[in-house]
Amino acid sequence: MTPLLALHKNGVTIAVKLTPSASKDAFVRVDQNADGKKELRASVTAVPEKGKANAALIKLISKKLRIPKSSLQLIKGAQSQHKTILIEGPPGEILSQLKNTFHELSLMP
């Protein structure tokens, strides 16, 4: 498991770098940041004010990864482009689902 995905006591976390005010809502790619950690690069059309971009990110993750919004929680980075999202549930099932979906979306080899 890479730093992109990490086990958490309540599920699995995913590291995201968010670009707000973009032309479309999308997952862009998996990148390495300046610290050498992998992040899912995502863009949303929502502006970064009053939590609008964060809400759009949760909606995007829910839709693309087929995970209920109620299972997603922003646990770090509310005021930053670098965010940590918690996906609540059984870690084994979540990791399997994420890996399959990332392959389907051509985000990982």
PDB file of N, CA and C in Angstrom:
ATOM      1  N   MET A   1       0.845  -1.176   0.000  1.00  0.00           N
ATOM      2  CA  MET A   1       0.000   0.000   0.000  1.00  0.00           C
ATOM      3  C   MET A   1       0.894   1.244   0.000  1.00  0.00           C
ATOM      4  N   THR A   2       0.581   2.197  -0.845  1.00  0.00           N
ATOM      5  CA  THR A   2       1.351   3.427  -0.936  1.00  0.00           C
ATOM      6  C   THR A   2       0.744   4.477  -0.016  1.00  0.00           C
ATOM      7  N   PRO A   3       1.450   5.582   0.207  1.00  0.00           N
ATOM      8  CA  PRO A   3       0.881   6.658   1.020  1.00  0.00           C
ATOM      9  C   PRO A   3      -0.394   7.264   0.428  1.00  0.00           C
ATOM     10  N   LEU A   4      -0.669   6.979  -0.846  1.00  0.00           N
ATOM     11  CA  LEU A   4      -1.922   7.430  -1.449  1.00  0.00           C
ATOM     12  C   LEU A   4      -3.101   6.899  -0.633  1.00  0.00           C
ATOM     13  N   LEU A   5      -3.016   5.640  -0.252  1.00  0.00           N
ATOM     14  CA  LEU A   5      -4.033   4.988   0.569  1.00  0.00           C
ATOM     15  C   LEU A   5      -3.397   4.546   1.875  1.00  0.00           C
ATOM     16  N   ALA A   6      -4.085   4.772   2.979  1.00  0.00           N
ATOM     17  CA  ALA A   6      -3.547   4.366   4.282  1.00  0.00           C
ATOM     18  C   ALA A   6      -4.675   3.822   5.152  1.00  0.00           C
ATOM     19  N   LEU A   7      -4.333   2.837   5.952  1.00  0.00           N
ATOM     20  CA  LEU A   7      -5.311   2.292   6.893  1.00  0.00           C
ATOM     21  C   LEU A   7      -5.587   3.304   7.997  1.00  0.00           C
ATOM     22  N   HIS A   8      -6.814   3.349   8.450  1.00  0.00           N
ATOM     23  CA  HIS A   8      -7.268   4.228   9.520  1.00  0.00           C
ATOM     24  C   HIS A   8      -8.138   3.371  10.430  1.00  0.00           C
ATOM     25  N   LYS A   9      -8.260   3.746  11.687  1.00  0.00           N
ATOM     26  CA  LYS A   9      -9.041   2.917  12.614  1.00  0.00           C
ATOM     27  C   LYS A   9     -10.499   2.755  12.175  1.00  0.00           C
ATOM     28  N   ASN A  10     -11.009   3.688  11.360  1.00  0.00           N
ATOM     29  CA  ASN A  10     -12.400   3.614  10.910  1.00  0.00           C
ATOM     30  C   ASN A  10     -12.556   3.266   9.432  1.00  0.00           C
ATOM     31  N   GLY A  11     -11.441   2.941   8.762  1.00  0.00           N
ATOM     32  CA  GLY A  11     -11.528   2.623   7.337  1.00  0.00           C
ATOM     33  C   GLY A  11     -10.205   2.837   6.633  1.00  0.00           C
ATOM     34  N   VAL A  12     -10.246   3.615   5.554  1.00  0.00           N
ATOM     35  CA  VAL A  12      -9.067   3.886   4.733  1.00  0.00           C
ATOM     36  C   VAL A  12      -9.047   5.371   4.410  1.00  0.00           C
ATOM     37  N   THR A  13      -7.852   5.970   4.402  1.00  0.00           N
ATOM     38  CA  THR A  13      -7.736   7.362   3.986  1.00  0.00           C
ATOM     39  C   THR A  13      -7.114   7.422   2.600  1.00  0.00           C
ATOM     40  N   ILE A  14      -7.456   8.485   1.887  1.00  0.00           N
ATOM     41  CA  ILE A  14      -6.894   8.735   0.569  1.00  0.00           C
ATOM     42  C   ILE A  14      -6.380  10.171   0.535  1.00  0.00           C
ATOM     43  N   ALA A  15      -5.160  10.343   0.029  1.00  0.00           N
ATOM     44  CA  ALA A  15      -4.545  11.664  -0.082  1.00  0.00           C
ATOM     45  C   ALA A  15      -4.955  12.287  -1.413  1.00  0.00           C
ATOM     46  N   VAL A  16      -5.414  13.534  -1.357  1.00  0.00           N
ATOM     47  CA  VAL A  16      -5.911  14.216  -2.551  1.00  0.00           C
ATOM     48  C   VAL A  16      -5.292  15.604  -2.650  1.00  0.00           C
ATOM     49  N   LYS A  17      -4.924  15.997  -3.867  1.00  0.00           N
ATOM     50  CA  LYS A  17      -4.566  17.392  -4.139  1.00  0.00           C
ATOM     51  C   LYS A  17      -5.681  17.944  -5.009  1.00  0.00           C
ATOM     52  N   LEU A  18      -6.380  18.958  -4.512  1.00  0.00           N
ATOM     53  CA  LEU A  18      -7.562  19.498  -5.176  1.00  0.00           C
ATOM     54  C   LEU A  18      -7.266  20.813  -5.879  1.00  0.00           C
ATOM     55  N   THR A  19      -7.726  20.918  -7.121  1.00  0.00           N
ATOM     56  CA  THR A  19      -7.673  22.170  -7.869  1.00  0.00           C
ATOM     57  C   THR A  19      -9.107  22.671  -8.007  1.00  0.00           C
ATOM     58  N   PRO A  20      -9.467  23.744  -7.273  1.00  0.00           N
ATOM     59  CA  PRO A  20     -10.813  24.307  -7.384  1.00  0.00           C
ATOM     60  C   PRO A  20     -10.909  25.249  -8.591  1.00  0.00           C
ATOM     61  N   SER A  21     -12.112  25.690  -8.901  1.00  0.00           N
ATOM     62  CA  SER A  21     -12.362  26.634  -9.999  1.00  0.00           C
ATOM     63  C   SER A  21     -11.813  26.126 -11.329  1.00  0.00           C
ATOM     64  N   ALA A  22     -11.873  24.823 -11.539  1.00  0.00           N
ATOM     65  CA  ALA A  22     -11.373  24.214 -12.772  1.00  0.00           C
ATOM     66  C   ALA A  22     -12.488  24.183 -13.823  1.00  0.00           C
ATOM     67  N   SER A  23     -12.153  23.727 -15.016  1.00  0.00           N
ATOM     68  CA  SER A  23     -13.139  23.681 -16.095  1.00  0.00           C
ATOM     69  C   SER A  23     -14.109  22.510 -15.965  1.00  0.00           C
ATOM     70  N   LYS A  24     -13.712  21.470 -15.208  1.00  0.00           N
ATOM     71  CA  LYS A  24     -14.610  20.327 -15.020  1.00  0.00           C
ATOM     72  C   LYS A  24     -14.276  19.598 -13.726  1.00  0.00           C
ATOM     73  N   ASP A  25     -15.238  18.821 -13.251  1.00  0.00           N
ATOM     74  CA  ASP A  25     -15.037  17.959 -12.088  1.00  0.00           C
ATOM     75  C   ASP A  25     -14.444  16.652 -12.598  1.00  0.00           C
ATOM     76  N   ALA A  26     -13.244  16.309 -12.126  1.00  0.00           N
ATOM     77  CA  ALA A  26     -12.598  15.095 -12.639  1.00  0.00           C
ATOM     78  C   ALA A  26     -11.444  14.668 -11.751  1.00  0.00           C
ATOM     79  N   PHE A  27     -11.130  13.373 -11.842  1.00  0.00           N
ATOM     80  CA  PHE A  27      -9.860  12.878 -11.327  1.00  0.00           C
ATOM     81  C   PHE A  27      -8.866  13.081 -12.463  1.00  0.00           C
ATOM     82  N   VAL A  28      -7.721  13.663 -12.160  1.00  0.00           N
ATOM     83  CA  VAL A  28      -6.742  13.969 -13.198  1.00  0.00           C
ATOM     84  C   VAL A  28      -5.741  12.831 -13.342  1.00  0.00           C
ATOM     85  N   ARG A  29      -5.081  12.505 -12.254  1.00  0.00           N
ATOM     86  CA  ARG A  29      -4.076  11.433 -12.264  1.00  0.00           C
ATOM     87  C   ARG A  29      -3.586  11.222 -10.835  1.00  0.00           C
ATOM     88  N   VAL A  30      -2.758  10.207 -10.661  1.00  0.00           N
ATOM     89  CA  VAL A  30      -2.058  10.010  -9.393  1.00  0.00           C
ATOM     90  C   VAL A  30      -0.654  10.554  -9.596  1.00  0.00           C
ATOM     91  N   ASP A  31      -0.246  11.457  -8.720  1.00  0.00           N
ATOM     92  CA  ASP A  31       1.049  12.135  -8.810  1.00  0.00           C
ATOM     93  C   ASP A  31       1.831  11.963  -7.523  1.00  0.00           C
ATOM     94  N   GLN A  32       3.112  12.270  -7.618  1.00  0.00           N
ATOM     95  CA  GLN A  32       3.956  12.342  -6.433  1.00  0.00           C
ATOM     96  C   GLN A  32       4.141  13.816  -6.095  1.00  0.00           C
ATOM     97  N   ASN A  33       3.937  14.184  -4.820  1.00  0.00           N
ATOM     98  CA  ASN A  33       4.125  15.581  -4.440  1.00  0.00           C
ATOM     99  C   ASN A  33       5.597  15.852  -4.136  1.00  0.00           C
ATOM    100  N   ALA A  34       5.907  17.067  -3.719  1.00  0.00           N
ATOM    101  CA  ALA A  34       7.295  17.464  -3.453  1.00  0.00           C
ATOM    102  C   ALA A  34       7.939  16.643  -2.341  1.00  0.00           C
ATOM    103  N   ASP A  35       7.124  16.103  -1.438  1.00  0.00           N
ATOM    104  CA  ASP A  35       7.637  15.276  -0.338  1.00  0.00           C
ATOM    105  C   ASP A  35       7.803  13.814  -0.738  1.00  0.00           C
ATOM    106  N   GLY A  36       7.476  13.486  -1.982  1.00  0.00           N
ATOM    107  CA  GLY A  36       7.599  12.113  -2.450  1.00  0.00           C
ATOM    108  C   GLY A  36       6.395  11.242  -2.155  1.00  0.00           C
ATOM    109  N   LYS A  37       5.324  11.821  -1.624  1.00  0.00           N
ATOM    110  CA  LYS A  37       4.110  11.061  -1.315  1.00  0.00           C
ATOM    111  C   LYS A  37       3.155  11.107  -2.504  1.00  0.00           C
ATOM    112  N   LYS A  38       2.462  10.002  -2.725  1.00  0.00           N
ATOM    113  CA  LYS A  38       1.493   9.952  -3.815  1.00  0.00           C
ATOM    114  C   LYS A  38       0.185  10.605  -3.390  1.00  0.00           C
ATOM    115  N   GLU A  39      -0.435  11.307  -4.356  1.00  0.00           N
ATOM    116  CA  GLU A  39      -1.720  11.956  -4.132  1.00  0.00           C
ATOM    117  C   GLU A  39      -2.591  11.762  -5.367  1.00  0.00           C
ATOM    118  N   LEU A  40      -3.880  11.666  -5.152  1.00  0.00           N
ATOM    119  CA  LEU A  40      -4.831  11.674  -6.243  1.00  0.00           C
ATOM    120  C   LEU A  40      -5.091  13.130  -6.594  1.00  0.00           C
ATOM    121  N   ARG A  41      -4.778  13.525  -7.821  1.00  0.00           N
ATOM    122  CA  ARG A  41      -5.050  14.898  -8.260  1.00  0.00           C
ATOM    123  C   ARG A  41      -6.480  14.948  -8.770  1.00  0.00           C
ATOM    124  N   ALA A  42      -7.236  15.892  -8.237  1.00  0.00           N
ATOM    125  CA  ALA A  42      -8.635  16.055  -8.624  1.00  0.00           C
ATOM    126  C   ALA A  42      -8.912  17.525  -8.895  1.00  0.00           C
ATOM    127  N   SER A  43      -9.888  17.776  -9.753  1.00  0.00           N
ATOM    128  CA  SER A  43     -10.299  19.151 -10.027  1.00  0.00           C
ATOM    129  C   SER A  43     -11.816  19.239  -9.891  1.00  0.00           C
ATOM    130  N   VAL A  44     -12.272  20.409  -9.443  1.00  0.00           N
ATOM    131  CA  VAL A  44     -13.710  20.669  -9.330  1.00  0.00           C
ATOM    132  C   VAL A  44     -13.998  22.072  -9.849  1.00  0.00           C
ATOM    133  N   THR A  45     -15.209  22.269 -10.351  1.00  0.00           N
ATOM    134  CA  THR A  45     -15.579  23.585 -10.867  1.00  0.00           C
ATOM    135  C   THR A  45     -15.953  24.551  -9.748  1.00  0.00           C
ATOM    136  N   ALA A  46     -16.263  24.040  -8.591  1.00  0.00           N
ATOM    137  CA  ALA A  46     -16.682  24.875  -7.456  1.00  0.00           C
ATOM    138  C   ALA A  46     -15.543  25.783  -6.993  1.00  0.00           C
ATOM    139  N   VAL A  47     -15.940  26.938  -6.474  1.00  0.00           N
ATOM    140  CA  VAL A  47     -14.962  27.896  -5.961  1.00  0.00           C
ATOM    141  C   VAL A  47     -14.552  27.515  -4.539  1.00  0.00           C
ATOM    142  N   PRO A  48     -13.338  27.913  -4.144  1.00  0.00           N
ATOM    143  CA  PRO A  48     -12.860  27.557  -2.802  1.00  0.00           C
ATOM    144  C   PRO A  48     -13.334  28.535  -1.728  1.00  0.00           C
ATOM    145  N   GLU A  49     -14.636  28.611  -1.547  1.00  0.00           N
ATOM    146  CA  GLU A  49     -15.169  29.473  -0.497  1.00  0.00           C
ATOM    147  C   GLU A  49     -16.338  28.789   0.192  1.00  0.00           C
ATOM    148  N   LYS A  50     -16.404  28.975   1.495  1.00  0.00           N
ATOM    149  CA  LYS A  50     -17.485  28.426   2.320  1.00  0.00           C
ATOM    150  C   LYS A  50     -17.660  26.919   2.132  1.00  0.00           C
ATOM    151  N   GLY A  51     -16.558  26.211   1.891  1.00  0.00           N
ATOM    152  CA  GLY A  51     -16.610  24.759   1.792  1.00  0.00           C
ATOM    153  C   GLY A  51     -17.180  24.204   0.498  1.00  0.00           C
ATOM    154  N   LYS A  52     -17.426  25.067  -0.484  1.00  0.00           N
ATOM    155  CA  LYS A  52     -18.036  24.607  -1.739  1.00  0.00           C
ATOM    156  C   LYS A  52     -17.139  23.633  -2.495  1.00  0.00           C
ATOM    157  N   ALA A  53     -15.852  23.928  -2.580  1.00  0.00           N
ATOM    158  CA  ALA A  53     -14.930  23.031  -3.293  1.00  0.00           C
ATOM    159  C   ALA A  53     -14.793  21.702  -2.552  1.00  0.00           C
ATOM    160  N   ASN A  54     -14.750  21.748  -1.232  1.00  0.00           N
ATOM    161  CA  ASN A  54     -14.658  20.508  -0.443  1.00  0.00           C
ATOM    162  C   ASN A  54     -15.903  19.641  -0.647  1.00  0.00           C
ATOM    163  N   ALA A  55     -17.074  20.268  -0.658  1.00  0.00           N
ATOM    164  CA  ALA A  55     -18.320  19.522  -0.882  1.00  0.00           C
ATOM    165  C   ALA A  55     -18.333  18.916  -2.282  1.00  0.00           C
ATOM    166  N   ALA A  56     -17.832  19.667  -3.260  1.00  0.00           N
ATOM    167  CA  ALA A  56     -17.770  19.152  -4.633  1.00  0.00           C
ATOM    168  C   ALA A  56     -16.803  17.975  -4.729  1.00  0.00           C
ATOM    169  N   LEU A  57     -15.712  18.028  -3.975  1.00  0.00           N
ATOM    170  CA  LEU A  57     -14.756  16.916  -3.961  1.00  0.00           C
ATOM    171  C   LEU A  57     -15.407  15.659  -3.385  1.00  0.00           C
ATOM    172  N   ILE A  58     -16.124  15.792  -2.290  1.00  0.00           N
ATOM    173  CA  ILE A  58     -16.810  14.643  -1.684  1.00  0.00           C
ATOM    174  C   ILE A  58     -17.806  14.051  -2.683  1.00  0.00           C
ATOM    175  N   LYS A  59     -18.542  14.911  -3.370  1.00  0.00           N
ATOM    176  CA  LYS A  59     -19.508  14.452  -4.368  1.00  0.00           C
ATOM    177  C   LYS A  59     -18.800  13.722  -5.515  1.00  0.00           C
ATOM    178  N   LEU A  60     -17.677  14.261  -5.977  1.00  0.00           N
ATOM    179  CA  LEU A  60     -16.902  13.640  -7.061  1.00  0.00           C
ATOM    180  C   LEU A  60     -16.387  12.264  -6.648  1.00  0.00           C
ATOM    181  N   ILE A  61     -15.808  12.187  -5.459  1.00  0.00           N
ATOM    182  CA  ILE A  61     -15.284  10.903  -4.975  1.00  0.00           C
ATOM    183  C   ILE A  61     -16.419   9.890  -4.853  1.00  0.00           C
ATOM    184  N   SER A  62     -17.542  10.322  -4.310  1.00  0.00           N
ATOM    185  CA  SER A  62     -18.694   9.439  -4.153  1.00  0.00           C
ATOM    186  C   SER A  62     -19.142   8.884  -5.502  1.00  0.00           C
ATOM    187  N   LYS A  63     -19.240   9.754  -6.481  1.00  0.00           N
ATOM    188  CA  LYS A  63     -19.711   9.344  -7.810  1.00  0.00           C
ATOM    189  C   LYS A  63     -18.705   8.435  -8.514  1.00  0.00           C
ATOM    190  N   LYS A  64     -17.455   8.864  -8.581  1.00  0.00           N
ATOM    191  CA  LYS A  64     -16.444   8.125  -9.348  1.00  0.00           C
ATOM    192  C   LYS A  64     -16.056   6.801  -8.696  1.00  0.00           C
ATOM    193  N   LEU A  65     -15.994   6.779  -7.376  1.00  0.00           N
ATOM    194  CA  LEU A  65     -15.571   5.560  -6.683  1.00  0.00           C
ATOM    195  C   LEU A  65     -16.754   4.712  -6.220  1.00  0.00           C
ATOM    196  N   ARG A  66     -17.964   5.192  -6.504  1.00  0.00           N
ATOM    197  CA  ARG A  66     -19.185   4.458  -6.149  1.00  0.00           C
ATOM    198  C   ARG A  66     -19.240   4.146  -4.648  1.00  0.00           C
ATOM    199  N   ILE A  67     -19.040   5.208  -3.872  1.00  0.00           N
ATOM    200  CA  ILE A  67     -19.057   5.115  -2.410  1.00  0.00           C
ATOM    201  C   ILE A  67     -20.103   6.108  -1.906  1.00  0.00           C
ATOM    202  N   PRO A  68     -20.968   5.718  -0.977  1.00  0.00           N
ATOM    203  CA  PRO A  68     -21.966   6.668  -0.462  1.00  0.00           C
ATOM    204  C   PRO A  68     -21.302   7.889   0.184  1.00  0.00           C
ATOM    205  N   LYS A  69     -21.886   9.072  -0.069  1.00  0.00           N
ATOM    206  CA  LYS A  69     -21.342  10.295   0.525  1.00  0.00           C
ATOM    207  C   LYS A  69     -21.295  10.207   2.046  1.00  0.00           C
ATOM    208  N   SER A  70     -22.223   9.470   2.621  1.00  0.00           N
ATOM    209  CA  SER A  70     -22.266   9.336   4.081  1.00  0.00           C
ATOM    210  C   SER A  70     -21.052   8.579   4.624  1.00  0.00           C
ATOM    211  N   SER A  71     -20.325   7.868   3.760  1.00  0.00           N
ATOM    212  CA  SER A  71     -19.126   7.125   4.176  1.00  0.00           C
ATOM    213  C   SER A  71     -17.847   7.935   3.991  1.00  0.00           C
ATOM    214  N   LEU A  72     -17.964   9.163   3.491  1.00  0.00           N
ATOM    215  CA  LEU A  72     -16.796  10.002   3.210  1.00  0.00           C
ATOM    216  C   LEU A  72     -16.724  11.171   4.180  1.00  0.00           C
ATOM    217  N   GLN A  73     -15.513  11.462   4.626  1.00  0.00           N
ATOM    218  CA  GLN A  73     -15.319  12.560   5.572  1.00  0.00           C
ATOM    219  C   GLN A  73     -13.976  13.224   5.307  1.00  0.00           C
ATOM    220  N   LEU A  74     -13.979  14.551   5.198  1.00  0.00           N
ATOM    221  CA  LEU A  74     -12.741  15.317   5.077  1.00  0.00           C
ATOM    222  C   LEU A  74     -12.140  15.420   6.474  1.00  0.00           C
ATOM    223  N   ILE A  75     -10.981  14.795   6.691  1.00  0.00           N
ATOM    224  CA  ILE A  75     -10.402  14.800   8.041  1.00  0.00           C
ATOM    225  C   ILE A  75      -9.171  15.692   8.151  1.00  0.00           C
ATOM    226  N   LYS A  76      -8.659  16.181   7.014  1.00  0.00           N
ATOM    227  CA  LYS A  76      -7.490  17.057   7.059  1.00  0.00           C
ATOM    228  C   LYS A  76      -7.457  17.895   5.791  1.00  0.00           C
ATOM    229  N   GLY A  77      -7.120  19.182   5.945  1.00  0.00           N
ATOM    230  CA  GLY A  77      -6.903  20.040   4.789  1.00  0.00           C
ATOM    231  C   GLY A  77      -8.101  20.842   4.333  1.00  0.00           C
ATOM    232  N   ALA A  78      -9.009  21.174   5.231  1.00  0.00           N
ATOM    233  CA  ALA A  78     -10.207  21.920   4.841  1.00  0.00           C
ATOM    234  C   ALA A  78      -9.871  23.246   4.167  1.00  0.00           C
ATOM    235  N   GLN A  79      -8.758  23.870   4.545  1.00  0.00           N
ATOM    236  CA  GLN A  79      -8.359  25.160   3.986  1.00  0.00           C
ATOM    237  C   GLN A  79      -7.141  25.042   3.076  1.00  0.00           C
ATOM    238  N   SER A  80      -6.825  23.846   2.627  1.00  0.00           N
ATOM    239  CA  SER A  80      -5.616  23.584   1.841  1.00  0.00           C
ATOM    240  C   SER A  80      -5.968  22.812   0.578  1.00  0.00           C
ATOM    241  N   GLN A  81      -5.078  22.859  -0.417  1.00  0.00           N
ATOM    242  CA  GLN A  81      -5.256  22.024  -1.610  1.00  0.00           C
ATOM    243  C   GLN A  81      -4.972  20.562  -1.289  1.00  0.00           C
ATOM    244  N   HIS A  82      -4.125  20.308  -0.308  1.00  0.00           N
ATOM    245  CA  HIS A  82      -3.747  18.947   0.075  1.00  0.00           C
ATOM    246  C   HIS A  82      -4.713  18.463   1.154  1.00  0.00           C
ATOM    247  N   LYS A  83      -5.464  17.421   0.828  1.00  0.00           N
ATOM    248  CA  LYS A  83      -6.534  16.961   1.704  1.00  0.00           C
ATOM    249  C   LYS A  83      -6.393  15.476   2.011  1.00  0.00           C
ATOM    250  N   THR A  84      -6.955  15.074   3.128  1.00  0.00           N
ATOM    251  CA  THR A  84      -7.052  13.660   3.472  1.00  0.00           C
ATOM    252  C   THR A  84      -8.526  13.348   3.670  1.00  0.00           C
ATOM    253  N   ILE A  85      -8.996  12.379   2.890  1.00  0.00           N
ATOM    254  CA  ILE A  85     -10.393  11.962   2.947  1.00  0.00           C
ATOM    255  C   ILE A  85     -10.462  10.585   3.595  1.00  0.00           C
ATOM    256  N   LEU A  86     -11.335  10.439   4.579  1.00  0.00           N
ATOM    257  CA  LEU A  86     -11.571   9.143   5.214  1.00  0.00           C
ATOM    258  C   LEU A  86     -12.750   8.471   4.528  1.00  0.00           C
ATOM    259  N   ILE A  87     -12.530   7.220   4.123  1.00  0.00           N
ATOM    260  CA  ILE A  87     -13.601   6.381   3.598  1.00  0.00           C
ATOM    261  C   ILE A  87     -13.903   5.371   4.700  1.00  0.00           C
ATOM    262  N   GLU A  88     -15.052   5.510   5.323  1.00  0.00           N
ATOM    263  CA  GLU A  88     -15.401   4.657   6.459  1.00  0.00           C
ATOM    264  C   GLU A  88     -15.936   3.310   5.991  1.00  0.00           C
ATOM    265  N   GLY A  89     -15.500   2.258   6.697  1.00  0.00           N
ATOM    266  CA  GLY A  89     -15.969   0.917   6.390  1.00  0.00           C
ATOM    267  C   GLY A  89     -14.869  -0.101   6.574  1.00  0.00           C
ATOM    268  N   PRO A  90     -15.140  -1.361   6.217  1.00  0.00           N
ATOM    269  CA  PRO A  90     -14.138  -2.424   6.352  1.00  0.00           C
ATOM    270  C   PRO A  90     -12.954  -2.172   5.413  1.00  0.00           C
ATOM    271  N   PRO A  91     -11.737  -2.003   5.949  1.00  0.00           N
ATOM    272  CA  PRO A  91     -10.578  -1.645   5.125  1.00  0.00           C
ATOM    273  C   PRO A  91     -10.316  -2.587   3.954  1.00  0.00           C
ATOM    274  N   GLY A  92     -10.439  -3.885   4.164  1.00  0.00           N
ATOM    275  CA  GLY A  92     -10.171  -4.837   3.086  1.00  0.00           C
ATOM    276  C   GLY A  92     -11.081  -4.631   1.885  1.00  0.00           C
ATOM    277  N   GLU A  93     -12.364  -4.454   2.155  1.00  0.00           N
ATOM    278  CA  GLU A  93     -13.337  -4.231   1.080  1.00  0.00           C
ATOM    279  C   GLU A  93     -13.074  -2.909   0.372  1.00  0.00           C
ATOM    280  N   ILE A  94     -12.780  -1.867   1.154  1.00  0.00           N
ATOM    281  CA  ILE A  94     -12.540  -0.545   0.581  1.00  0.00           C
ATOM    282  C   ILE A  94     -11.306  -0.570  -0.313  1.00  0.00           C
ATOM    283  N   LEU A  95     -10.206  -1.149   0.173  1.00  0.00           N
ATOM    284  CA  LEU A  95      -8.973  -1.197  -0.616  1.00  0.00           C
ATOM    285  C   LEU A  95      -9.181  -1.944  -1.924  1.00  0.00           C
ATOM    286  N   SER A  96      -9.875  -3.051  -1.873  1.00  0.00           N
ATOM    287  CA  SER A  96     -10.148  -3.830  -3.079  1.00  0.00           C
ATOM    288  C   SER A  96     -10.971  -3.012  -4.072  1.00  0.00           C
ATOM    289  N   GLN A  97     -12.000  -2.356  -3.568  1.00  0.00           N
ATOM    290  CA  GLN A  97     -12.866  -1.533  -4.417  1.00  0.00           C
ATOM    291  C   GLN A  97     -12.080  -0.371  -5.025  1.00  0.00           C
ATOM    292  N   LEU A  98     -11.250   0.302  -4.221  1.00  0.00           N
ATOM    293  CA  LEU A  98     -10.469   1.432  -4.719  1.00  0.00           C
ATOM    294  C   LEU A  98      -9.491   1.004  -5.802  1.00  0.00           C
ATOM    295  N   LYS A  99      -8.778  -0.076  -5.565  1.00  0.00           N
ATOM    296  CA  LYS A  99      -7.802  -0.543  -6.550  1.00  0.00           C
ATOM    297  C   LYS A  99      -8.479  -0.889  -7.869  1.00  0.00           C
ATOM    298  N   ASN A 100      -9.613  -1.574  -7.806  1.00  0.00           N
ATOM    299  CA  ASN A 100     -10.346  -1.913  -9.028  1.00  0.00           C
ATOM    300  C   ASN A 100     -10.818  -0.662  -9.761  1.00  0.00           C
ATOM    301  N   THR A 101     -11.373   0.282  -9.012  1.00  0.00           N
ATOM    302  CA  THR A 101     -11.886   1.504  -9.624  1.00  0.00           C
ATOM    303  C   THR A 101     -10.755   2.339 -10.209  1.00  0.00           C
ATOM    304  N   PHE A 102      -9.621   2.442  -9.511  1.00  0.00           N
ATOM    305  CA  PHE A 102      -8.486   3.201 -10.035  1.00  0.00           C
ATOM    306  C   PHE A 102      -7.997   2.603 -11.349  1.00  0.00           C
ATOM    307  N   HIS A 103      -7.980   1.279 -11.439  1.00  0.00           N
ATOM    308  CA  HIS A 103      -7.575   0.629 -12.694  1.00  0.00           C
ATOM    309  C   HIS A 103      -8.585   0.931 -13.802  1.00  0.00           C
ATOM    310  N   GLU A 104      -9.876   0.863 -13.483  1.00  0.00           N
ATOM    311  CA  GLU A 104     -10.922   1.163 -14.467  1.00  0.00           C
ATOM    312  C   GLU A 104     -10.800   2.589 -14.987  1.00  0.00           C
ATOM    313  N   LEU A 105     -10.445   3.522 -14.104  1.00  0.00           N
ATOM    314  CA  LEU A 105     -10.316   4.929 -14.488  1.00  0.00           C
ATOM    315  C   LEU A 105      -8.940   5.248 -15.064  1.00  0.00           C
ATOM    316  N   SER A 106      -8.102   4.234 -15.204  1.00  0.00           N
ATOM    317  CA  SER A 106      -6.732   4.393 -15.728  1.00  0.00           C
ATOM    318  C   SER A 106      -5.909   5.375 -14.903  1.00  0.00           C
ATOM    319  N   LEU A 107      -6.124   5.372 -13.588  1.00  0.00           N
ATOM    320  CA  LEU A 107      -5.361   6.245 -12.700  1.00  0.00           C
ATOM    321  C   LEU A 107      -4.104   5.567 -12.190  1.00  0.00           C
ATOM    322  N   MET A 108      -4.089   4.237 -12.228  1.00  0.00           N
ATOM    323  CA  MET A 108      -2.927   3.492 -11.755  1.00  0.00           C
ATOM    324  C   MET A 108      -2.651   2.371 -12.741  1.00  0.00           C
ATOM    325  N   PRO A 109      -1.380   1.975 -12.877  1.00  0.00           N
ATOM    326  CA  PRO A 109      -1.038   0.896 -13.815  1.00  0.00           C
ATOM    327  C   PRO A 109      -1.582  -0.442 -13.362  1.00  0.00           C
TER     328      PRO A 109
END
